[in-house]
């Protein structure tokens, strides 16, 4: 088959780009032609992989069975063709190039990975040419971008209209049938990721890359001490600053080590400043992003490599780093949060050095000290761990996509059609399902077809004094009412309905004085009061009556909404956020009505604005 793939690709850094590269190559190895349409050559320097001439030749490939990977990249945007307001029209360029490639070569299918701009561009190309579209989302586009008030509607249209969505089954909440959602193929790595491959000479590598702006220390590494490594993007939630704080603490205790950072991103300058302030500059070696087929050589040169994400803001997130470390035979120092994202996390806990919370600097330092004091044991631990974690090989990756694409091209469902209502109820109304004990399924059988929310209303109406229950009727009704609100967070199946969180305005005029801004409450916020203690219900399944519980249900366009408890004073504050009063006026009202501290009210409103609970105009 011939596939037009609109997606991230090297020299773009990151897990999505790496996955796309190996997917294209594995399909070509199976005899398919893959035309990659990308804007990778326009990636900014902060996220650009450093490629040499031999690396550039790896971007395309041909195989004896006729399979091939071709790369068609957008060019640098010419100032002479600029438009006002200034923007690089990635989506338009990619859609145009993809349409050309589909028509020139008779592509059977267009595939896209990541919604912006690739999913949108591929959707346009598919609609113009009539070929089917398979879209795969990642983590940040599925959550952060889908939640953007000016972007989300476009992404929902792309997902709903795609012939197949590769990703999150919870997207049934958007009205996408289960038989049009396929799971992302399981982690697979190419043969380069092995404990027995070549080992990079880090001192020589640093010397060769000495002209790169990110490379500062060009002295040889100390071969007689442990080398601690980290690679990928830097940031607070990546645990980058926790790591250097722990290393600085160990150095002050007299421990010697090398610290190698293969990274990039907008945090680089701040990170280097922190390294200098902590007295680590002379034992820190920085490398630019390198292509992922060279990453295993770097990993094997390290005694241990760290992956310390904590409080990572992307819920749908499964970093590939743990599997890359283990398959290379490198001792992995991982946060418990990273471990729990992995499909084999129970086994992974025994095959990595696990830090419960990297913010516990003493705990992190203790784990690192074990590696630094006994590097031989750490290396052997890594090699043994590589033998115990199951991984899909690259051929399995190609076979998975081949099966999906072939089914879409020939109009075959990947699985039998199934009603999404019951899975949505089981996930979002579990206590209701348990209390009614089989009656929900019977009622659904009689009511089908029906939407999840309409059916939840029908459930609530069906429970009365004649219903045999093991709990008081009032308790059951409170549970159903709470879980109806929770279901509302996870469902947005009316394609024609438009429910913006905030009223659109003619412009984005904002007063620089925070106190003079006027908060408006989100239309996607519901507040309800319950007689049950909802923390007991949601965490332990206990039905405990007590003081009234005020709950806010904040719906997100990504359907990853949240529930949080309110005080009466905070409820009154939100009720007053109607755009008629300034922040200063609300602070004054809260102080007079509830005795609230002005600084606390100001900070609460600021956080509500960050969380899109209110909009400031």
Foldseek 3Di string as FASTA:
>chain_A
DEEEEEEAAPQFDDDRRQLVQLLLVLLLQVPYEYEYEYQRVVDDPQGGADDDPVRVVSSKDHDPSNGIYHYDHDDDDDPVPADPPGDDPRLVVSLVVSLVVCVVPVGQEYEYEAVPRRLVSRLSSCVVPVHAYEYEYAFCCLPVVCQPLVRVLSSLVSVQPHQAYADDCLCCLQVRFSLRYHYQDAFADEPLLAQPDAADQVLVVLCVCVPDPLWDANHHADPVFAEEEEEEEDDVQQLLLLVLVLVLVVVVVPFDYAYEYAYGHPCSVVSVVSCVVSPNVNRYGYHYHHDPSCVLNHLSNGLEYEGEGDPDVGPRHQDPVVLSNLRNLHAYEYELVNLVSHPPSVLVPVLHNYQPHSVVSVSSSVSVVVCGVCSVVSSNSSNVSSVPDDHDYSNVSNVVVVVVSVCSSVVHGPDDTDDCLVVLCCVQQVLLCVFLPPVLVVVCVVVPPDDNLVSLVVSLVVQDPPDDTPDDSLLSNLSSVVSSLSSVQSHDHPSPDDARQDDDDPDDDDDPDQQFWAKAFTPQKDKDKGQFDVVCCVPPNDTHGDPIWIKIWGHGSSSPTDIDTDDPLVVVLNVPRHRPHGLNRSLVVSCVPPVDDSVVSSVVVVVCCVVVRIPID
